[in-house]
C-alpha cells in the first residue's frame, strides 16, 4: 500500500505498544451473550417463512414488509395480522438481497440453531472490526488502539450482533470498511486492482443494507474536507451510487406512509421536518453514553435527548480546539468527522436508535479516540473521566440490556401464544387491546414456528399504551374507547401509518367479518371506534393482552361495559420500568 496511506507516527511521538488482540478480545467478550440469545421479532417471521410455516409473497425478499400496492396489502389488513389502521399504500421495502441470501444460508447450514446463527453474526462483526483496525492504524497510528477499542465496544453494534434480522448492518459494515481500505490504497497508488476491489466491496455492501450509503460517505468526505483534494477519486464511487439509486427506484424499493421510515427522495419535507431533532438526539446520546433507545421507551423524555445534542455541539468544538492536534492529525480527523456526520444523514429517515449509528461509529470513534488520547497525555482528568464513562463504561449497558429484552420478548410472546391455546388455531380472533406490540404483531408467526395452524383471522383493534373500555351497544355492535391516550400514537403503531395521514370521524375500514368505524379523533388520531360484527358473535374469539398472555373475554351484555387496564410491556418489565403483572 502506498506510503501516504501507511504513514508511520512522527519520530518525536513514538507509537504506543500495539496490542492488536485487545479490541478483538473485548468484542468477543461483550458479544458472547449472543450465543444464548434467542431469535426475536423479525427473526420469527423470517424463520417461519423459510420453514414454510408462514405465508409470504417472496421468501427471497424478506425485507419487503409492504410493497406499496393496496391490492397486495388489502388481504393482510382484512384478515390480519396487519392492524385495521394500516395505510393501504404503505411501503416498507428494503433492497437487501445479499443479507437475505445469508439468512437462507443460516437455515440450510444451521437449521433452527440460534447460537450458530449468532456465531455467524459475530464473525461478520470481527471482519468489520478488522477493517476498522486496519484503517485506524494507517490514518491515526497514535490513537489506533484506543479508537479500535471504542469501535469494538460501541453500542451501535450490539443490536446487529444480537438480532439476526439486523445482521445486514454488519454485512454492510464489513464490506464497506474493507472497500474503504481498498479505495484509499487506490487513491494513493492508482493501481487498478485496488479500484476493482473497492468497487466490488462497495457493491456487496450496498447489496447488504441501506446502511452502506452512510459508509460510502467517507469517500466523499475525504475529498471535501482534506487539503490534498482529488475530486476524480470520488467519480467511481459516485457512479456506483448513481447506478444503485436507479436500480433501487426501478425495483420499487423505499418507504412511504410510515412515520418510522420516511423516504427522503419521495417525501423530502417530511424528512427535513424530523431530521434536525433526530440528529441532535443521536448526537446527544452518543456524546453521553445514554442509549438512544430511550426515544422509544420514554417518549416524554425525547426533548432531553435533543437538548443533550444541542449542548454537545459546542462541547465537541471546544474539545477539538483544546486538543491542539498536529496538522496531519487535524486534517485526518476533519474528514473522518465529516464522514461520520454524512453517514448519519440517511439514518434520519427513521427514529433514533443506537443501531442507526453503526456507519457513523467508524469516524466518530476515531474522533473520540484521538480526543481521549490527547486528554490522557495532557492529564485533563475531567475529559478523561467523561470520555471513559461515555464511550467505555455506559455502552456496556446496551450489551447487557439488548439480550435481556430479547429473552423477555421470546419468553413472553411464546407464552402468550402457546399457553394452552395452541396459538388460537383456525379461530377468528379479535384482540381488543394489546399494549405490547410484540405479541400483537408477531404472535401468529411464533404460533406458526411452534407448529400450530394459523388463526383464520387476527384483528388487533387497539395497540394504544392506555386502558380501554368496551361498551356493547346492541347484539352486533360495540364501541371501544381509549382512556387517557390515542390510537396510532406510539412508535410501533406509527410503523403502519404516519400522522401525516390522519383519520377523520366516520372513516371506516371493512375487514373480514367486521367493520371498524372511527367515531372520535384527537388531531387525526382515533380515540374511539365503533365495531360492527358481520358474523355471529359466537364465531369470534375476543381476547386482550394482560401482560402475560392473551386472556379470553366475553363481550358485555348490551348496555354494559368492560374495562381493560393498561398492561405492562415485556420490555418494560425486563428493564424495570414497570412492575411485572400479577399472575393468574
Protein backbone atom coordinates (compact mmCIF):
# COMPACT_ATOMS: atom_id res chain seq x y z
CA UNK A 1 0.00 0.00 0.00
CA UNK A 2 1.26 3.49 -0.80
CA UNK A 3 3.36 5.37 1.67
CA UNK A 4 0.93 8.20 2.48
CA UNK A 5 -1.81 5.81 3.46
CA UNK A 6 0.60 3.73 5.52
CA UNK A 7 2.35 6.69 7.14
CA UNK A 8 4.22 5.95 10.37
CA UNK A 9 3.99 8.13 13.50
CA UNK A 10 6.27 11.15 13.68
CA UNK A 11 9.57 10.23 15.34
CA UNK A 12 9.07 12.70 18.24
CA UNK A 13 5.86 10.87 19.30
CA UNK A 14 6.58 7.13 19.31
CA UNK A 15 3.57 4.86 18.91
CA UNK A 16 2.33 3.01 21.93
CA UNK A 17 2.55 -0.73 22.17
CA UNK A 18 0.19 -2.19 19.59
CA UNK A 19 -1.72 -4.91 21.44
CA UNK A 20 -3.68 -5.88 18.29
CA UNK A 21 -5.55 -8.63 20.13
CA UNK A 22 -7.22 -6.30 22.67
CA UNK A 23 -10.13 -4.90 20.57
CA UNK A 24 -10.99 -8.36 19.23
CA UNK A 25 -10.91 -9.87 22.70
CA UNK A 26 -13.22 -7.17 24.04
CA UNK A 27 -15.63 -7.64 21.15
CA UNK A 28 -15.79 -11.37 21.80
CA UNK A 29 -16.45 -10.76 25.49
CA UNK A 30 -19.33 -8.30 25.01
CA UNK A 31 -20.89 -10.31 22.18
CA UNK A 32 -20.66 -13.68 23.96
CA UNK A 33 -24.23 -13.38 25.35
CA UNK A 34 -25.45 -13.60 21.76
CA UNK A 35 -24.72 -17.33 21.90
CA UNK A 36 -27.55 -17.74 24.43
CA UNK A 37 -29.89 -15.14 22.90
CA UNK A 38 -32.98 -16.48 21.09
CA UNK A 39 -34.42 -15.42 17.76
CA UNK A 40 -36.68 -12.39 18.15
CA UNK A 41 -39.19 -10.14 16.37
CA UNK A 42 -38.45 -10.10 12.61
CA UNK A 43 -36.39 -13.26 13.13
CA UNK A 44 -39.63 -15.08 13.95
CA UNK A 45 -41.18 -14.05 10.65
CA UNK A 46 -38.04 -14.88 8.68
CA UNK A 47 -37.70 -18.30 10.28
CA UNK A 48 -41.41 -19.06 9.86
CA UNK A 49 -41.27 -18.05 6.19
CA UNK A 50 -38.10 -20.00 5.46
CA UNK A 51 -39.54 -23.08 7.17
CA UNK A 52 -42.67 -22.85 5.03
CA UNK A 53 -44.93 -22.34 8.07
CA UNK A 54 -45.90 -18.74 7.34
CA UNK A 55 -47.27 -17.26 4.10
CA UNK A 56 -45.05 -14.68 2.40
CA UNK A 57 -45.14 -13.42 -1.20
CA UNK A 58 -41.43 -13.96 -1.88
CA UNK A 59 -39.02 -15.73 0.52
CA UNK A 60 -36.16 -14.06 -1.35
CA UNK A 61 -37.49 -10.60 -0.46
CA UNK A 62 -37.58 -10.97 3.31
CA UNK A 63 -37.03 -7.25 3.86
CA UNK A 64 -40.04 -6.19 1.80
CA UNK A 65 -42.64 -5.79 4.54
CA UNK A 66 -45.12 -3.84 2.40
CA UNK A 67 -44.69 -3.05 -1.28
CA UNK A 68 -46.97 0.00 -1.56
CA UNK A 69 -49.59 -1.79 -3.66
CA UNK A 70 -53.01 -1.54 -1.91
CA UNK A 71 -54.22 -4.66 -3.73
CA UNK A 72 -51.35 -6.68 -2.27
CA UNK A 73 -51.73 -5.26 1.23
CA UNK A 74 -55.54 -5.45 1.44
CA UNK A 75 -55.75 -9.21 2.27
CA UNK A 76 -53.25 -8.82 5.12
CA UNK A 77 -55.32 -5.99 6.58
CA UNK A 78 -58.62 -7.78 6.05
CA UNK A 79 -57.54 -10.97 7.80
CA UNK A 80 -54.52 -9.79 9.78
CA UNK A 81 -52.03 -9.64 11.26
CA UNK A 82 -51.71 -6.05 9.97
CA UNK A 83 -53.93 -3.76 12.07
CA UNK A 84 -57.02 -2.08 10.68
CA UNK A 85 -55.38 1.38 10.74
CA UNK A 86 -52.57 0.36 8.34
CA UNK A 87 -52.28 2.80 5.43
CA UNK A 88 -53.36 0.88 2.28
CA UNK A 89 -50.49 2.44 0.30
CA UNK A 90 -47.90 1.60 2.96
CA UNK A 91 -44.45 0.80 1.60
CA UNK A 92 -41.56 -0.54 3.67
CA UNK A 93 -39.34 -2.29 1.15
CA UNK A 94 -35.57 -2.61 1.50
CA UNK A 95 -33.11 -3.87 -1.11
CA UNK A 96 -31.02 -6.45 0.79
CA UNK A 97 -30.54 -9.47 -1.47
CA UNK A 98 -27.15 -10.47 -0.06
CA UNK A 99 -28.36 -10.35 3.55
CA UNK A 100 -31.42 -12.36 2.54
CA UNK A 101 -29.11 -14.93 0.96
CA UNK A 102 -27.18 -15.29 4.23
CA UNK A 103 -30.44 -15.87 6.11
CA UNK A 104 -31.15 -18.75 3.73
CA UNK A 105 -27.60 -19.99 4.38
CA UNK A 106 -28.34 -19.97 8.13
CA UNK A 107 -31.34 -22.24 7.69
CA UNK A 108 -29.53 -24.52 5.24
CA UNK A 109 -26.37 -24.83 7.35
CA UNK A 110 -27.60 -24.43 10.93
CA UNK A 111 -31.28 -25.36 10.87
CA UNK A 112 -33.07 -24.00 13.94
CA UNK A 113 -29.89 -23.23 15.90
CA UNK A 114 -29.93 -19.68 17.22
CA UNK A 115 -26.40 -19.97 18.75
CA UNK A 116 -24.87 -20.87 15.39
CA UNK A 117 -26.77 -18.10 13.62
CA UNK A 118 -25.47 -15.62 16.18
CA UNK A 119 -21.94 -17.02 15.85
CA UNK A 120 -22.27 -16.27 12.15
CA UNK A 121 -23.09 -12.66 13.10
CA UNK A 122 -20.09 -12.42 15.44
CA UNK A 123 -17.76 -13.49 12.62
CA UNK A 124 -19.06 -10.63 10.50
CA UNK A 125 -18.54 -8.22 13.41
CA UNK A 126 -14.93 -9.40 13.71
CA UNK A 127 -14.42 -8.85 9.98
CA UNK A 128 -15.78 -5.31 10.32
CA UNK A 129 -13.53 -4.62 13.30
CA UNK A 130 -10.50 -5.94 11.39
CA UNK A 131 -11.13 -3.41 8.63
CA UNK A 132 -11.59 -0.57 11.12
CA UNK A 133 -8.39 -1.57 12.93
CA UNK A 134 -6.50 -1.54 9.62
CA UNK A 135 -7.80 1.93 8.79
CA UNK A 136 -7.13 3.40 12.23
CA UNK A 137 -3.60 2.02 12.18
CA UNK A 138 -2.90 3.75 8.87
CA UNK A 139 -4.74 7.02 9.49
CA UNK A 140 -4.29 7.62 13.25
CA UNK A 141 -1.37 5.50 14.41
CA UNK A 142 -1.14 7.13 17.87
CA UNK A 143 -4.83 6.69 18.67
CA UNK A 144 -5.35 3.49 16.66
CA UNK A 145 -5.57 1.11 19.60
CA UNK A 146 -7.90 3.33 21.60
CA UNK A 147 -10.12 4.06 18.58
CA UNK A 148 -10.29 0.32 17.85
CA UNK A 149 -11.31 -0.42 21.45
CA UNK A 150 -14.03 2.23 21.28
CA UNK A 151 -15.23 0.78 17.98
CA UNK A 152 -15.28 -2.74 19.41
CA UNK A 153 -17.38 -1.64 22.40
CA UNK A 154 -19.60 0.82 20.53
CA UNK A 155 -23.19 0.04 21.48
CA UNK A 156 -24.45 0.77 17.96
CA UNK A 157 -23.09 -2.67 17.01
CA UNK A 158 -24.94 -4.59 19.73
CA UNK A 159 -28.31 -4.88 18.02
CA UNK A 160 -26.72 -6.09 14.78
CA UNK A 161 -24.94 -8.87 16.69
CA UNK A 162 -27.82 -9.93 18.94
CA UNK A 163 -30.59 -9.61 16.34
CA UNK A 164 -30.09 -11.84 13.31
CA UNK A 165 -32.59 -9.81 11.26
CA UNK A 166 -30.31 -6.79 11.73
CA UNK A 167 -27.12 -8.64 10.75
CA UNK A 168 -27.43 -6.87 7.40
CA UNK A 169 -25.74 -3.86 9.06
CA UNK A 170 -22.67 -6.00 9.83
CA UNK A 171 -22.52 -7.20 6.22
CA UNK A 172 -22.66 -3.59 5.04
CA UNK A 173 -20.12 -2.53 7.68
CA UNK A 174 -17.59 -5.24 6.87
CA UNK A 175 -17.80 -4.86 3.09
CA UNK A 176 -18.00 -1.04 3.34
CA UNK A 177 -14.92 -0.62 5.53
CA UNK A 178 -12.82 -3.11 3.58
CA UNK A 179 -13.93 -1.23 0.48
CA UNK A 180 -12.66 1.97 2.08
CA UNK A 181 -9.30 0.28 2.75
CA UNK A 182 -9.04 -0.60 -0.93
CA UNK A 183 -10.30 2.82 -2.06
CA UNK A 184 -7.65 4.71 -0.07
CA UNK A 185 -4.96 2.37 -1.41
CA UNK A 186 -6.14 3.06 -4.97
CA UNK A 187 -6.33 6.80 -4.29
CA UNK A 188 -2.62 6.85 -3.42
CA UNK A 189 -1.24 4.21 -5.78
CA UNK A 190 -3.72 4.49 -8.68
CA UNK A 191 -3.37 0.75 -9.22
CA UNK A 192 -6.44 -0.69 -10.92
CA UNK A 193 -6.64 -3.79 -8.73
CA UNK A 194 -7.38 -1.64 -5.66
CA UNK A 195 -10.13 0.23 -7.53
CA UNK A 196 -11.74 -3.03 -8.62
CA UNK A 197 -11.53 -4.37 -5.06
CA UNK A 198 -13.07 -1.17 -3.66
CA UNK A 199 -15.99 -1.15 -6.10
CA UNK A 200 -16.69 -4.86 -5.56
CA UNK A 201 -16.73 -4.39 -1.79
CA UNK A 202 -18.90 -1.28 -2.05
CA UNK A 203 -21.33 -3.10 -4.35
CA UNK A 204 -21.58 -6.01 -1.91
CA UNK A 205 -22.16 -3.53 0.93
CA UNK A 206 -24.99 -1.86 -0.98
CA UNK A 207 -26.50 -5.28 -1.73
CA UNK A 208 -26.47 -5.98 2.02
CA UNK A 209 -28.20 -2.95 3.51
CA UNK A 210 -29.01 0.71 3.03
CA UNK A 211 -26.54 1.44 5.83
CA UNK A 212 -23.83 1.09 3.18
CA UNK A 213 -24.77 4.50 1.77
CA UNK A 214 -23.58 6.04 5.03
CA UNK A 215 -20.30 4.14 4.87
CA UNK A 216 -19.64 5.28 1.32
CA UNK A 217 -19.98 8.85 2.58
CA UNK A 218 -16.39 8.62 3.87
CA UNK A 219 -15.16 8.50 0.27
CA UNK A 220 -16.72 11.90 -0.39
CA UNK A 221 -15.72 13.33 2.99
CA UNK A 222 -12.09 12.51 2.17
CA UNK A 223 -12.14 14.84 -0.83
CA UNK A 224 -14.38 17.53 0.67
CA UNK A 225 -12.51 18.10 3.93
CA UNK A 226 -8.87 17.17 3.26
CA UNK A 227 -6.37 19.65 1.88
CA UNK A 228 -4.97 17.29 -0.75
CA UNK A 229 -8.30 17.04 -2.58
CA UNK A 230 -8.54 14.75 -5.55
CA UNK A 231 -12.07 15.14 -6.95
CA UNK A 232 -11.51 12.44 -9.54
CA UNK A 233 -11.22 9.90 -6.72
CA UNK A 234 -14.92 10.32 -5.98
CA UNK A 235 -16.11 9.56 -9.50
CA UNK A 236 -16.14 5.72 -9.45
CA UNK A 237 -17.99 5.62 -6.12
CA UNK A 238 -20.40 8.32 -7.26
CA UNK A 239 -21.15 6.33 -10.42
CA UNK A 240 -21.78 3.19 -8.37
CA UNK A 241 -24.13 5.09 -6.04
CA UNK A 242 -25.97 6.53 -9.02
CA UNK A 243 -26.46 3.07 -10.50
CA UNK A 244 -27.65 1.82 -7.10
CA UNK A 245 -30.18 4.67 -6.83
CA UNK A 246 -31.59 3.93 -10.27
CA UNK A 247 -31.85 0.22 -9.52
CA UNK A 248 -33.40 0.90 -6.11
CA UNK A 249 -36.13 3.03 -7.63
CA UNK A 250 -36.69 0.73 -10.61
CA UNK A 251 -37.28 -2.24 -8.29
CA UNK A 252 -39.83 -0.28 -6.28
CA UNK A 253 -37.80 -0.12 -3.09
CA UNK A 254 -38.25 2.59 -0.47
CA UNK A 255 -40.65 3.75 2.20
CA UNK A 256 -43.96 5.59 2.18
CA UNK A 257 -46.77 6.14 4.63
CA UNK A 258 -44.92 5.20 7.81
CA UNK A 259 -43.83 7.67 10.47
CA UNK A 260 -40.99 5.33 11.36
CA UNK A 261 -39.47 5.23 7.87
CA UNK A 262 -39.51 8.26 5.58
CA UNK A 263 -38.06 8.22 2.07
CA UNK A 264 -36.07 11.48 1.71
CA UNK A 265 -36.37 11.39 -2.09
CA UNK A 266 -40.14 10.85 -2.10
CA UNK A 267 -41.13 12.89 0.96
CA UNK A 268 -38.32 15.44 1.42
CA UNK A 269 -40.41 17.80 3.56
CA UNK A 270 -41.39 15.03 5.97
CA UNK A 271 -37.73 14.02 6.19
CA UNK A 272 -36.50 17.57 6.77
CA UNK A 273 -39.17 18.16 9.41
CA UNK A 274 -37.83 15.31 11.55
CA UNK A 275 -34.12 15.36 10.66
CA UNK A 276 -32.85 18.16 12.97
CA UNK A 277 -34.24 16.78 16.22
CA UNK A 278 -33.34 13.21 15.28
CA UNK A 279 -29.77 14.30 14.52
CA UNK A 280 -29.48 16.15 17.83
CA UNK A 281 -30.92 13.17 19.71
CA UNK A 282 -28.36 10.82 18.15
CA UNK A 283 -25.50 13.24 18.83
CA UNK A 284 -26.66 13.71 22.41
CA UNK A 285 -26.97 10.02 23.18
CA UNK A 286 -23.63 9.18 21.57
CA UNK A 287 -21.84 12.01 23.38
CA UNK A 288 -23.13 10.94 26.79
CA UNK A 289 -23.34 7.16 26.50
CA UNK A 290 -27.10 7.28 27.19
CA UNK A 291 -28.89 4.79 24.97
CA UNK A 292 -30.84 6.30 22.09
CA UNK A 293 -33.43 3.55 22.54
CA UNK A 294 -34.92 5.74 25.26
CA UNK A 295 -36.58 7.55 22.35
CA UNK A 296 -38.87 4.52 22.03
CA UNK A 297 -39.24 3.56 25.68
CA UNK A 298 -39.63 7.01 27.25
CA UNK A 299 -41.25 9.30 24.63
CA UNK A 300 -41.86 12.04 27.23
CA UNK A 301 -38.09 12.45 27.61
CA UNK A 302 -37.29 12.88 23.91
CA UNK A 303 -36.76 16.60 24.47
CA UNK A 304 -33.94 15.76 26.89
CA UNK A 305 -32.10 13.70 24.26
CA UNK A 306 -32.44 16.55 21.76
CA UNK A 307 -31.21 19.07 24.35
CA UNK A 308 -28.13 16.92 25.05
CA UNK A 309 -27.30 17.00 21.35
CA UNK A 310 -27.65 20.78 21.18
CA UNK A 311 -25.29 21.12 24.13
CA UNK A 312 -22.85 18.60 22.65
CA UNK A 313 -22.21 20.67 19.52
CA UNK A 314 -20.21 23.46 21.21
CA UNK A 315 -18.70 20.90 23.56
CA UNK A 316 -17.12 18.97 20.73
CA UNK A 317 -15.89 22.18 19.10
CA UNK A 318 -14.19 23.18 22.37
CA UNK A 319 -12.58 19.74 22.77
CA UNK A 320 -11.30 19.88 19.22
CA UNK A 321 -9.63 23.24 19.81
CA UNK A 322 -8.21 22.28 23.20
CA UNK A 323 -6.72 19.05 21.85
CA UNK A 324 -4.31 21.03 19.62
CA UNK A 325 -3.69 18.21 17.16
CA UNK A 326 -0.80 18.39 14.74
CA UNK A 327 -1.69 19.45 11.19
CA UNK A 328 -1.77 15.92 9.76
CA UNK A 329 -3.94 14.52 12.55
CA UNK A 330 -6.22 17.54 12.41
CA UNK A 331 -6.77 17.03 8.69
CA UNK A 332 -7.46 13.32 9.13
CA UNK A 333 -9.94 13.89 11.94
CA UNK A 334 -11.64 16.63 9.95
CA UNK A 335 -12.61 14.32 7.12
CA UNK A 336 -13.38 11.38 9.41
CA UNK A 337 -15.63 13.63 11.48
CA UNK A 338 -17.37 14.94 8.37
CA UNK A 339 -17.76 11.36 7.17
CA UNK A 340 -19.47 10.45 10.46
CA UNK A 341 -21.89 13.37 10.09
CA UNK A 342 -22.68 12.46 6.46
CA UNK A 343 -23.12 8.81 7.48
CA UNK A 344 -25.83 9.84 9.95
CA UNK A 345 -27.94 11.70 7.36
CA UNK A 346 -29.54 8.63 5.70
CA UNK A 347 -30.41 7.18 9.12
CA UNK A 348 -32.50 10.23 9.98
CA UNK A 349 -35.21 8.71 7.81
CA UNK A 350 -36.21 6.60 10.80
CA UNK A 351 -36.50 7.09 14.57
CA UNK A 352 -33.33 7.44 16.67
CA UNK A 353 -31.93 4.18 17.99
CA UNK A 354 -28.41 3.08 18.84
CA UNK A 355 -28.15 0.74 15.86
CA UNK A 356 -28.51 3.62 13.41
CA UNK A 357 -25.08 4.91 14.39
CA UNK A 358 -23.13 1.92 13.11
CA UNK A 359 -22.00 3.62 9.85
CA UNK A 360 -21.13 6.81 11.75
CA UNK A 361 -19.34 4.92 14.52
CA UNK A 362 -16.21 4.42 12.41
CA UNK A 363 -15.47 8.14 12.11
CA UNK A 364 -16.95 9.01 15.50
CA UNK A 365 -14.76 6.51 17.33
CA UNK A 366 -11.73 7.90 15.53
CA UNK A 367 -12.51 11.41 16.78
CA UNK A 368 -13.36 10.22 20.30
CA UNK A 369 -10.24 8.04 20.46
CA UNK A 370 -7.99 10.88 19.36
CA UNK A 371 -9.56 13.33 21.83
CA UNK A 372 -9.31 10.84 24.68
CA UNK A 373 -5.68 10.03 23.82
CA UNK A 374 -4.74 13.72 23.85
CA UNK A 375 -6.63 14.30 27.11
CA UNK A 376 -4.76 11.40 28.70
CA UNK A 377 -1.38 12.77 27.58
CA UNK A 378 -2.30 16.28 28.76
CA UNK A 379 -3.69 14.89 32.06
CA UNK A 380 -7.09 16.51 31.62
CA UNK A 381 -8.78 14.34 34.20
CA UNK A 382 -12.32 15.63 33.73
CA UNK A 383 -12.19 14.97 29.99
CA UNK A 384 -10.73 11.51 30.57
CA UNK A 385 -13.41 10.74 33.16
CA UNK A 386 -16.24 11.91 30.88
CA UNK A 387 -14.92 10.13 27.79
CA UNK A 388 -14.26 6.91 29.69
CA UNK A 389 -17.79 6.96 31.09
CA UNK A 390 -19.48 7.88 27.79
CA UNK A 391 -17.51 5.62 25.45
CA UNK A 392 -16.23 2.76 27.57
CA UNK A 393 -18.49 2.23 30.60
CA UNK A 394 -22.06 3.24 29.75
CA UNK A 395 -22.11 1.49 26.34
CA UNK A 396 -21.66 -1.79 28.19
CA UNK A 397 -25.21 -1.34 29.47
CA UNK A 398 -26.60 -1.80 25.98
CA UNK A 399 -24.63 -5.01 25.54
CA UNK A 400 -26.43 -6.32 28.65
CA UNK A 401 -29.82 -4.72 28.01
CA UNK A 402 -30.43 -5.92 24.44
CA UNK A 403 -30.13 -9.68 25.08
CA UNK A 404 -32.13 -9.25 28.30
CA UNK A 405 -35.03 -7.64 26.45
CA UNK A 406 -34.80 -10.17 23.63
CA UNK A 407 -35.08 -13.05 26.06
CA UNK A 408 -38.07 -11.37 27.72
CA UNK A 409 -39.79 -10.96 24.35
CA UNK A 410 -39.09 -14.55 23.38
CA UNK A 411 -40.39 -15.98 26.65
CA UNK A 412 -43.35 -13.61 26.78
CA UNK A 413 -44.62 -13.94 23.23
CA UNK A 414 -44.13 -17.70 23.22
CA UNK A 415 -46.12 -17.96 26.47
CA UNK A 416 -48.79 -15.59 25.16
CA UNK A 417 -49.37 -17.70 22.04
CA UNK A 418 -48.92 -21.23 23.38
CA UNK A 419 -50.29 -21.10 26.92
CA UNK A 420 -52.84 -23.86 26.49
CA UNK A 421 -54.44 -22.14 23.49
CA UNK A 422 -52.48 -23.78 20.67
CA UNK A 423 -51.99 -20.40 19.01
CA UNK A 424 -55.75 -19.91 18.51
CA UNK A 425 -55.79 -22.36 15.60
CA UNK A 426 -58.48 -21.63 12.99
CA UNK A 427 -60.20 -19.11 15.28
CA UNK A 428 -61.45 -15.64 14.35
CA UNK A 429 -59.52 -13.68 16.95
CA UNK A 430 -60.36 -10.08 17.86
CA UNK A 431 -57.64 -8.52 20.04
CA UNK A 432 -59.50 -5.79 21.90
CA UNK A 433 -56.36 -4.28 23.44
CA UNK A 434 -52.67 -5.13 23.26
CA UNK A 435 -50.32 -2.54 24.72
CA UNK A 436 -47.32 -4.70 23.76
CA UNK A 437 -46.69 -4.67 20.03
CA UNK A 438 -44.58 -7.85 20.11
CA UNK A 439 -47.33 -10.40 20.81
CA UNK A 440 -49.87 -8.34 18.86
CA UNK A 441 -47.88 -8.23 15.63
CA UNK A 442 -45.56 -11.25 15.86
CA UNK A 443 -47.75 -13.69 17.76
CA UNK A 444 -49.06 -15.51 14.71
CA UNK A 445 -45.53 -16.06 13.38
CA UNK A 446 -44.49 -17.51 16.75
CA UNK A 447 -47.51 -19.81 16.74
CA UNK A 448 -46.56 -20.99 13.25
CA UNK A 449 -42.98 -21.67 14.38
CA UNK A 450 -44.36 -23.91 17.13
CA UNK A 451 -46.28 -25.96 14.60
CA UNK A 452 -49.73 -24.52 15.23
CA UNK A 453 -52.17 -23.76 12.46
CA UNK A 454 -52.71 -20.03 11.97
CA UNK A 455 -55.86 -18.26 13.19
CA UNK A 456 -58.45 -17.74 10.47
CA UNK A 457 -58.32 -14.01 11.20
CA UNK A 458 -56.29 -11.92 13.65
CA UNK A 459 -57.73 -8.43 14.16
CA UNK A 460 -55.90 -6.07 16.54
CA UNK A 461 -58.23 -3.19 17.41
CA UNK A 462 -56.00 -1.18 19.76
CA UNK A 463 -52.28 -1.10 20.50
CA UNK A 464 -52.57 2.18 22.40
CA UNK A 465 -50.45 2.42 25.55
CA UNK A 466 -53.58 3.15 27.59
CA UNK A 467 -56.55 1.48 29.21
CA UNK A 468 -59.63 0.93 27.05
CA UNK A 469 -63.33 0.41 27.70
CA UNK A 470 -65.56 -1.80 25.57
CA UNK A 471 -69.26 -0.87 25.54
CA UNK A 472 -71.82 -3.21 23.95
CA UNK A 473 -74.36 -1.11 22.09
CA UNK A 474 -76.52 -3.91 20.69
CA UNK A 475 -76.31 -7.52 19.55
CA UNK A 476 -73.94 -6.80 16.65
CA UNK A 477 -72.17 -3.57 17.65
CA UNK A 478 -69.76 -2.44 20.34
CA UNK A 479 -67.68 0.68 20.96
CA UNK A 480 -64.04 0.81 22.06
CA UNK A 481 -62.75 3.94 23.80
CA UNK A 482 -59.13 4.72 24.68
CA UNK A 483 -58.82 6.27 28.14
CA UNK A 484 -56.10 8.87 28.57
CA UNK A 485 -54.46 8.27 25.22
CA UNK A 486 -54.89 7.86 21.46
CA UNK A 487 -54.54 5.16 18.87
CA UNK A 488 -51.74 5.22 16.28
CA UNK A 489 -49.71 7.30 18.71
CA UNK A 490 -46.82 5.01 19.72
CA UNK A 491 -43.73 4.46 17.62
CA UNK A 492 -44.79 0.87 16.98
CA UNK A 493 -48.26 1.83 15.71
CA UNK A 494 -46.72 4.56 13.56
CA UNK A 495 -44.87 1.83 11.68
CA UNK A 496 -48.15 1.27 9.88
CA UNK A 497 -49.41 4.82 9.45
CA UNK A 498 -47.73 8.18 9.94
CA UNK A 499 -49.59 11.10 11.47
CA UNK A 500 -49.37 12.94 8.15
CA UNK A 501 -52.16 10.55 7.08
CA UNK A 502 -54.79 11.50 9.69
CA UNK A 503 -58.10 9.84 10.36
CA UNK A 504 -61.38 11.74 10.42
CA UNK A 505 -64.61 10.92 12.21
CA UNK A 506 -66.74 8.45 10.25
CA UNK A 507 -63.77 6.93 8.40
CA UNK A 508 -64.44 3.20 8.08
CA UNK A 509 -62.38 0.11 7.30
CA UNK A 510 -64.03 -3.13 6.18
CA UNK A 511 -62.35 -6.29 7.46
CA UNK A 512 -63.11 -9.97 7.12
CA UNK A 513 -66.13 -10.45 9.38
CA UNK A 514 -66.32 -6.99 10.89
CA UNK A 515 -66.24 -3.30 10.14
CA UNK A 516 -64.35 -0.64 12.10
CA UNK A 517 -65.59 2.97 12.06
CA UNK A 518 -63.80 5.90 13.66
CA UNK A 519 -66.19 7.84 15.91
CA UNK A 520 -63.88 10.32 17.66
CA UNK A 521 -60.42 11.67 16.84
CA UNK A 522 -57.79 13.83 18.51
CA UNK A 523 -55.72 15.68 15.92
CA UNK A 524 -56.13 12.87 13.43
CA UNK A 525 -55.58 10.04 15.92
CA UNK A 526 -58.57 7.79 16.70
CA UNK A 527 -59.72 7.95 20.31
CA UNK A 528 -62.90 5.91 19.92
CA UNK A 529 -64.09 3.39 17.34
CA UNK A 530 -67.31 1.52 16.64
CA UNK A 531 -67.17 -2.12 15.59
CA UNK A 532 -69.89 -3.87 13.64
CA UNK A 533 -69.84 -7.66 13.77
CA UNK A 534 -70.88 -9.10 10.42
CA UNK A 535 -70.85 -12.69 11.68
CA UNK A 536 -72.49 -14.24 14.73
CA UNK A 537 -70.75 -13.29 17.97
CA UNK A 538 -70.13 -16.95 18.73
CA UNK A 539 -67.80 -17.21 15.72
CA UNK A 540 -65.32 -14.75 17.25
CA UNK A 541 -62.75 -15.19 20.00
CA UNK A 542 -62.30 -11.96 21.94
CA UNK A 543 -59.01 -11.51 23.82
CA UNK A 544 -56.84 -8.83 25.40
CA UNK A 545 -53.17 -8.82 26.35
CA UNK A 546 -53.00 -8.77 30.17
CA UNK A 547 -49.22 -8.52 30.46
CA UNK A 548 -48.55 -12.26 30.38
CA UNK A 549 -50.85 -13.81 27.78
CA UNK A 550 -53.90 -13.23 25.61
CA UNK A 551 -56.79 -13.65 28.01
CA UNK A 552 -60.11 -14.69 26.56
CA UNK A 553 -63.01 -12.43 27.47
CA UNK A 554 -66.71 -12.31 26.65
CA UNK A 555 -68.30 -9.18 25.26
CA UNK A 556 -70.50 -7.48 27.85
CA UNK A 557 -74.26 -7.59 27.57
CA UNK A 558 -75.92 -4.80 25.55
CA UNK A 559 -75.78 -1.58 27.52
CA UNK A 560 -72.90 -2.84 29.72
CA UNK A 561 -69.19 -2.08 29.52
CA UNK A 562 -65.93 -3.94 30.03
CA UNK A 563 -62.83 -2.16 31.39
CA UNK A 564 -59.42 -3.38 30.22
CA UNK A 565 -56.47 -1.78 32.09
CA UNK A 566 -53.16 -0.83 30.53
CA UNK A 567 -50.89 -3.88 30.77
CA UNK A 568 -47.09 -3.60 31.01
CA UNK A 569 -44.96 -4.50 28.03
CA UNK A 570 -42.47 -7.36 28.29
CA UNK A 571 -39.62 -4.95 27.56
CA UNK A 572 -40.78 -2.52 30.28
CA UNK A 573 -40.78 -5.30 32.86
CA UNK A 574 -37.37 -6.57 31.68
CA UNK A 575 -35.67 -3.18 32.19
CA UNK A 576 -37.53 -2.44 35.43
CA UNK A 577 -39.60 0.43 34.02
CA UNK A 578 -42.82 -1.24 35.24
CA UNK A 579 -43.54 -3.96 37.78
CA UNK A 580 -44.48 -7.40 36.49
CA UNK A 581 -48.21 -8.09 36.24
CA UNK A 582 -49.93 -10.28 38.76
CA UNK A 583 -50.04 -13.90 37.70
CA UNK A 584 -53.33 -15.58 37.04
